[in-house]
Amino acid sequence: MAPAEPPEPEDLGGYVVHATDGDVGKVGQDDRSTGDRYLLIATGPWIFGRTVLVPATVIDHVDHRSQAVYLRCTRDAIRDAPEYREDRSHRDELDVWYGKPLGLGGGAP
């Protein structure tokens, strides 16, 4: 039997999200609306139910078998990131926060 095809990037809704130092939430079910350059994370009760948007450049890797996304930033970077807004200026702000191109600059540790 052939292995199942991994989901497309837009099908990551519900995957658990891990920062370099622990869990930060799950990929939002409505993540498709953000396009393939960003990941919408629902943090749940960890930081008062905030929703944050992270650029795809911050993703280290995706493990489809365990349905997990691993980021190249800390929990503090996610906690302190600007809260999600649906406007272009927000995405520009995120690019500065996480830095380009590898998510290593800006406010992210």
N, C-alpha and C. Protein backbone atom coordinates (compact mmCIF):
# COMPACT_ATOMS: atom_id res chain seq x y z
N MET A 1 0.85 -1.18 0.00
CA MET A 1 0.00 0.00 0.00
C MET A 1 0.89 1.24 0.00
N ALA A 2 0.63 2.16 -0.88
CA ALA A 2 1.43 3.39 -0.99
C ALA A 2 1.13 4.31 0.18
N PRO A 3 2.17 5.02 0.67
CA PRO A 3 1.93 5.96 1.78
C PRO A 3 1.01 7.08 1.33
N ALA A 4 0.24 7.59 2.27
CA ALA A 4 -0.67 8.69 1.98
C ALA A 4 0.12 9.94 1.64
N GLU A 5 -0.42 10.73 0.75
CA GLU A 5 0.21 12.00 0.39
C GLU A 5 0.13 12.95 1.57
N PRO A 6 1.21 13.69 1.86
CA PRO A 6 1.12 14.67 2.94
C PRO A 6 0.15 15.78 2.56
N PRO A 7 -0.46 16.40 3.56
CA PRO A 7 -1.40 17.49 3.26
C PRO A 7 -0.69 18.66 2.59
N GLU A 8 -1.44 19.41 1.83
CA GLU A 8 -0.92 20.64 1.26
C GLU A 8 -0.70 21.64 2.39
N PRO A 9 0.18 22.64 2.20
CA PRO A 9 0.43 23.60 3.27
C PRO A 9 -0.83 24.25 3.81
N GLU A 10 -1.83 24.47 2.96
CA GLU A 10 -3.04 25.11 3.44
C GLU A 10 -3.91 24.17 4.26
N ASP A 11 -3.53 22.91 4.38
CA ASP A 11 -4.30 21.93 5.13
C ASP A 11 -3.68 21.63 6.49
N LEU A 12 -3.01 22.60 7.11
CA LEU A 12 -2.36 22.39 8.39
C LEU A 12 -3.27 22.72 9.57
N GLY A 13 -4.51 23.12 9.31
CA GLY A 13 -5.43 23.48 10.37
C GLY A 13 -5.53 22.39 11.43
N GLY A 14 -5.34 22.77 12.69
CA GLY A 14 -5.41 21.84 13.79
C GLY A 14 -4.07 21.25 14.20
N TYR A 15 -3.02 21.42 13.38
CA TYR A 15 -1.70 20.91 13.74
C TYR A 15 -1.22 21.63 15.00
N VAL A 16 -0.54 20.91 15.88
CA VAL A 16 0.06 21.50 17.08
C VAL A 16 1.30 22.28 16.66
N VAL A 17 1.52 23.44 17.29
CA VAL A 17 2.66 24.30 16.95
C VAL A 17 3.64 24.32 18.12
N HIS A 18 4.91 24.04 17.82
CA HIS A 18 5.97 24.01 18.83
C HIS A 18 6.99 25.10 18.54
N ALA A 19 7.29 25.93 19.54
CA ALA A 19 8.42 26.85 19.46
C ALA A 19 9.66 26.07 19.87
N THR A 20 10.82 26.72 19.87
CA THR A 20 12.05 26.03 20.24
C THR A 20 12.05 25.59 21.69
N ASP A 21 11.20 26.19 22.53
CA ASP A 21 11.19 25.87 23.95
C ASP A 21 9.82 25.43 24.48
N GLY A 22 8.95 24.94 23.60
CA GLY A 22 7.67 24.40 24.05
C GLY A 22 6.52 24.70 23.13
N ASP A 23 5.36 24.14 23.47
CA ASP A 23 4.14 24.31 22.67
C ASP A 23 3.63 25.74 22.75
N VAL A 24 3.04 26.21 21.64
CA VAL A 24 2.46 27.56 21.63
C VAL A 24 0.99 27.58 21.20
N GLY A 25 0.46 26.48 20.72
CA GLY A 25 -0.93 26.45 20.30
C GLY A 25 -1.14 25.53 19.13
N LYS A 26 -2.16 25.86 18.33
CA LYS A 26 -2.50 25.06 17.15
C LYS A 26 -2.68 25.98 15.96
N VAL A 27 -2.46 25.42 14.78
CA VAL A 27 -2.72 26.17 13.56
C VAL A 27 -4.23 26.39 13.49
N GLY A 28 -4.63 27.64 13.26
CA GLY A 28 -6.04 27.98 13.18
C GLY A 28 -6.72 27.27 12.04
N GLN A 29 -7.95 26.86 12.26
CA GLN A 29 -8.71 26.15 11.23
C GLN A 29 -8.96 27.01 10.00
N ASP A 30 -8.96 28.34 10.17
CA ASP A 30 -9.20 29.22 9.03
C ASP A 30 -7.89 29.74 8.45
N ASP A 31 -6.84 28.97 8.57
CA ASP A 31 -5.51 29.38 8.12
C ASP A 31 -5.44 29.60 6.61
N ARG A 32 -6.32 29.02 5.84
CA ARG A 32 -6.28 29.16 4.38
C ARG A 32 -6.38 30.62 3.93
N SER A 33 -7.03 31.44 4.73
CA SER A 33 -7.23 32.84 4.34
C SER A 33 -5.94 33.66 4.40
N THR A 34 -4.89 33.13 5.03
CA THR A 34 -3.65 33.90 5.19
C THR A 34 -2.70 33.70 4.01
N GLY A 35 -2.96 32.75 3.15
CA GLY A 35 -2.06 32.48 2.04
C GLY A 35 -0.91 31.60 2.49
N ASP A 36 0.01 31.29 1.57
CA ASP A 36 1.08 30.35 1.89
C ASP A 36 2.30 31.00 2.53
N ARG A 37 2.29 32.30 2.75
CA ARG A 37 3.44 32.97 3.34
C ARG A 37 3.33 33.15 4.84
N TYR A 38 2.18 32.79 5.41
CA TYR A 38 1.93 33.02 6.83
C TYR A 38 1.22 31.82 7.45
N LEU A 39 1.35 31.70 8.77
CA LEU A 39 0.70 30.65 9.52
C LEU A 39 -0.09 31.31 10.65
N LEU A 40 -1.37 31.00 10.73
CA LEU A 40 -2.25 31.56 11.76
C LEU A 40 -2.24 30.61 12.95
N ILE A 41 -1.84 31.11 14.13
CA ILE A 41 -1.74 30.26 15.31
C ILE A 41 -2.75 30.72 16.37
N ALA A 42 -3.58 29.79 16.81
CA ALA A 42 -4.51 30.03 17.91
C ALA A 42 -3.79 29.56 19.18
N THR A 43 -3.45 30.49 20.06
CA THR A 43 -2.63 30.14 21.22
C THR A 43 -3.41 29.48 22.34
N GLY A 44 -4.73 29.56 22.31
CA GLY A 44 -5.53 28.96 23.37
C GLY A 44 -5.29 29.66 24.70
N PRO A 45 -5.48 28.96 25.81
CA PRO A 45 -5.39 29.60 27.12
C PRO A 45 -3.97 30.00 27.52
N TRP A 46 -2.96 29.51 26.81
CA TRP A 46 -1.58 29.80 27.16
C TRP A 46 -1.34 31.31 27.27
N ILE A 47 -1.80 32.08 26.29
CA ILE A 47 -1.69 33.54 26.38
C ILE A 47 -3.05 34.18 26.11
N PHE A 48 -4.00 33.78 26.90
CA PHE A 48 -5.33 34.39 26.90
C PHE A 48 -6.05 34.29 25.56
N GLY A 49 -5.87 33.20 24.84
CA GLY A 49 -6.62 32.96 23.62
C GLY A 49 -6.30 33.89 22.47
N ARG A 50 -5.11 34.43 22.44
CA ARG A 50 -4.72 35.31 21.33
C ARG A 50 -4.55 34.51 20.05
N THR A 51 -4.65 35.21 18.95
CA THR A 51 -4.35 34.64 17.64
C THR A 51 -3.21 35.45 17.06
N VAL A 52 -2.16 34.76 16.63
CA VAL A 52 -1.02 35.44 16.04
C VAL A 52 -0.74 34.87 14.66
N LEU A 53 -0.16 35.68 13.84
CA LEU A 53 0.20 35.31 12.48
C LEU A 53 1.72 35.30 12.41
N VAL A 54 2.30 34.20 11.95
CA VAL A 54 3.76 34.16 11.82
C VAL A 54 4.12 33.92 10.36
N PRO A 55 5.19 34.55 9.90
CA PRO A 55 5.62 34.31 8.52
C PRO A 55 6.12 32.88 8.34
N ALA A 56 5.92 32.34 7.17
CA ALA A 56 6.38 30.98 6.88
C ALA A 56 7.88 30.83 7.06
N THR A 57 8.63 31.91 6.96
CA THR A 57 10.09 31.83 7.13
C THR A 57 10.48 31.43 8.55
N VAL A 58 9.55 31.51 9.50
CA VAL A 58 9.83 31.13 10.89
C VAL A 58 9.62 29.63 11.10
N ILE A 59 9.00 28.95 10.13
CA ILE A 59 8.77 27.51 10.24
C ILE A 59 10.08 26.77 10.00
N ASP A 60 10.45 25.93 10.95
CA ASP A 60 11.64 25.09 10.79
C ASP A 60 11.28 23.85 9.96
N HIS A 61 10.25 23.14 10.38
CA HIS A 61 9.77 21.99 9.61
C HIS A 61 8.37 21.59 10.06
N VAL A 62 7.73 20.77 9.23
CA VAL A 62 6.39 20.26 9.51
C VAL A 62 6.49 18.74 9.56
N ASP A 63 5.94 18.15 10.61
CA ASP A 63 5.89 16.69 10.73
C ASP A 63 4.44 16.27 10.52
N HIS A 64 4.14 15.78 9.31
CA HIS A 64 2.76 15.43 8.97
C HIS A 64 2.28 14.20 9.74
N ARG A 65 3.18 13.30 10.05
CA ARG A 65 2.77 12.09 10.79
C ARG A 65 2.25 12.43 12.18
N SER A 66 2.93 13.34 12.87
CA SER A 66 2.48 13.71 14.21
C SER A 66 1.61 14.97 14.19
N GLN A 67 1.34 15.48 12.99
CA GLN A 67 0.54 16.70 12.80
C GLN A 67 1.06 17.83 13.67
N ALA A 68 2.34 18.16 13.46
CA ALA A 68 3.01 19.19 14.25
C ALA A 68 3.82 20.11 13.36
N VAL A 69 3.85 21.39 13.75
CA VAL A 69 4.65 22.40 13.07
C VAL A 69 5.69 22.89 14.07
N TYR A 70 6.96 22.92 13.65
CA TYR A 70 8.05 23.36 14.51
C TYR A 70 8.58 24.70 14.02
N LEU A 71 8.67 25.66 14.94
CA LEU A 71 9.12 27.01 14.60
C LEU A 71 10.56 27.25 15.03
N ARG A 72 11.19 28.26 14.42
CA ARG A 72 12.54 28.69 14.76
C ARG A 72 12.53 29.89 15.69
N CYS A 73 11.60 29.96 16.59
CA CYS A 73 11.53 31.07 17.53
C CYS A 73 11.05 30.54 18.87
N THR A 74 11.18 31.36 19.89
CA THR A 74 10.80 30.95 21.24
C THR A 74 9.34 31.25 21.53
N ARG A 75 8.87 30.70 22.64
CA ARG A 75 7.52 31.00 23.12
C ARG A 75 7.39 32.49 23.41
N ASP A 76 8.45 33.11 23.95
CA ASP A 76 8.41 34.54 24.23
C ASP A 76 8.18 35.35 22.96
N ALA A 77 8.81 34.93 21.86
CA ALA A 77 8.62 35.65 20.59
C ALA A 77 7.17 35.58 20.14
N ILE A 78 6.54 34.43 20.33
CA ILE A 78 5.13 34.29 19.96
C ILE A 78 4.25 35.09 20.93
N ARG A 79 4.53 34.98 22.22
CA ARG A 79 3.74 35.70 23.23
C ARG A 79 3.79 37.21 23.01
N ASP A 80 4.96 37.73 22.67
CA ASP A 80 5.14 39.17 22.52
C ASP A 80 4.86 39.70 21.11
N ALA A 81 4.55 38.81 20.18
CA ALA A 81 4.29 39.22 18.80
C ALA A 81 3.01 40.04 18.71
N PRO A 82 2.92 40.88 17.70
CA PRO A 82 1.68 41.64 17.50
C PRO A 82 0.50 40.69 17.29
N GLU A 83 -0.64 41.02 17.87
CA GLU A 83 -1.84 40.20 17.69
C GLU A 83 -2.33 40.32 16.25
N TYR A 84 -2.94 39.25 15.76
CA TYR A 84 -3.39 39.17 14.38
C TYR A 84 -4.43 40.24 14.04
N ARG A 85 -4.20 40.90 12.91
CA ARG A 85 -5.15 41.85 12.31
C ARG A 85 -5.18 41.56 10.81
N GLU A 86 -6.31 41.79 10.21
CA GLU A 86 -6.43 41.54 8.77
C GLU A 86 -6.16 42.81 7.98
N ASP A 87 -4.90 43.20 7.91
CA ASP A 87 -4.54 44.31 7.03
C ASP A 87 -3.06 44.20 6.66
N ARG A 88 -2.71 44.82 5.56
CA ARG A 88 -1.35 44.72 5.02
C ARG A 88 -0.30 45.27 5.99
N SER A 89 -0.64 46.34 6.72
CA SER A 89 0.33 46.92 7.62
C SER A 89 0.72 45.92 8.71
N HIS A 90 -0.22 45.05 9.07
CA HIS A 90 0.09 44.03 10.07
C HIS A 90 1.15 43.07 9.56
N ARG A 91 1.04 42.68 8.31
CA ARG A 91 2.03 41.75 7.74
C ARG A 91 3.39 42.41 7.62
N ASP A 92 3.42 43.69 7.31
CA ASP A 92 4.68 44.42 7.28
C ASP A 92 5.29 44.46 8.67
N GLU A 93 4.46 44.68 9.68
CA GLU A 93 4.91 44.71 11.07
C GLU A 93 5.49 43.36 11.48
N LEU A 94 4.85 42.27 11.03
CA LEU A 94 5.35 40.93 11.34
C LEU A 94 6.70 40.68 10.69
N ASP A 95 6.87 41.13 9.45
CA ASP A 95 8.14 40.94 8.77
C ASP A 95 9.27 41.61 9.55
N VAL A 96 8.99 42.75 10.15
CA VAL A 96 9.98 43.44 10.97
C VAL A 96 10.18 42.68 12.28
N TRP A 97 9.08 42.24 12.92
CA TRP A 97 9.15 41.57 14.21
C TRP A 97 10.00 40.29 14.12
N TYR A 98 9.70 39.45 13.14
CA TYR A 98 10.40 38.18 13.02
C TYR A 98 11.68 38.28 12.21
N GLY A 99 11.85 39.38 11.50
CA GLY A 99 13.06 39.55 10.69
C GLY A 99 12.95 38.78 9.39
N LYS A 100 13.77 39.18 8.45
CA LYS A 100 13.81 38.48 7.16
C LYS A 100 15.25 38.06 6.92
N PRO A 101 15.50 36.98 6.25
CA PRO A 101 14.55 36.02 5.72
C PRO A 101 14.30 34.83 6.63
N LEU A 102 15.05 34.68 7.72
CA LEU A 102 14.97 33.44 8.50
C LEU A 102 14.32 33.60 9.87
N GLY A 103 13.62 34.68 10.11
CA GLY A 103 12.95 34.82 11.39
C GLY A 103 13.91 35.02 12.55
N LEU A 104 15.07 35.58 12.30
CA LEU A 104 16.08 35.69 13.34
C LEU A 104 16.31 37.12 13.81
N GLY A 105 15.60 38.07 13.24
CA GLY A 105 15.83 39.46 13.63
C GLY A 105 14.62 40.03 14.32
N GLY A 106 14.45 41.32 14.23
CA GLY A 106 13.30 41.98 14.83
C GLY A 106 13.24 41.74 16.32
N GLY A 107 12.04 41.64 16.84
CA GLY A 107 11.86 41.46 18.28
C GLY A 107 11.98 40.01 18.71
N ALA A 108 12.01 39.09 17.76
CA ALA A 108 12.07 37.68 18.13
C ALA A 108 13.43 37.31 18.65
N PRO A 109 13.47 36.62 19.79
CA PRO A 109 14.77 36.18 20.33
C PRO A 109 15.37 35.09 19.48
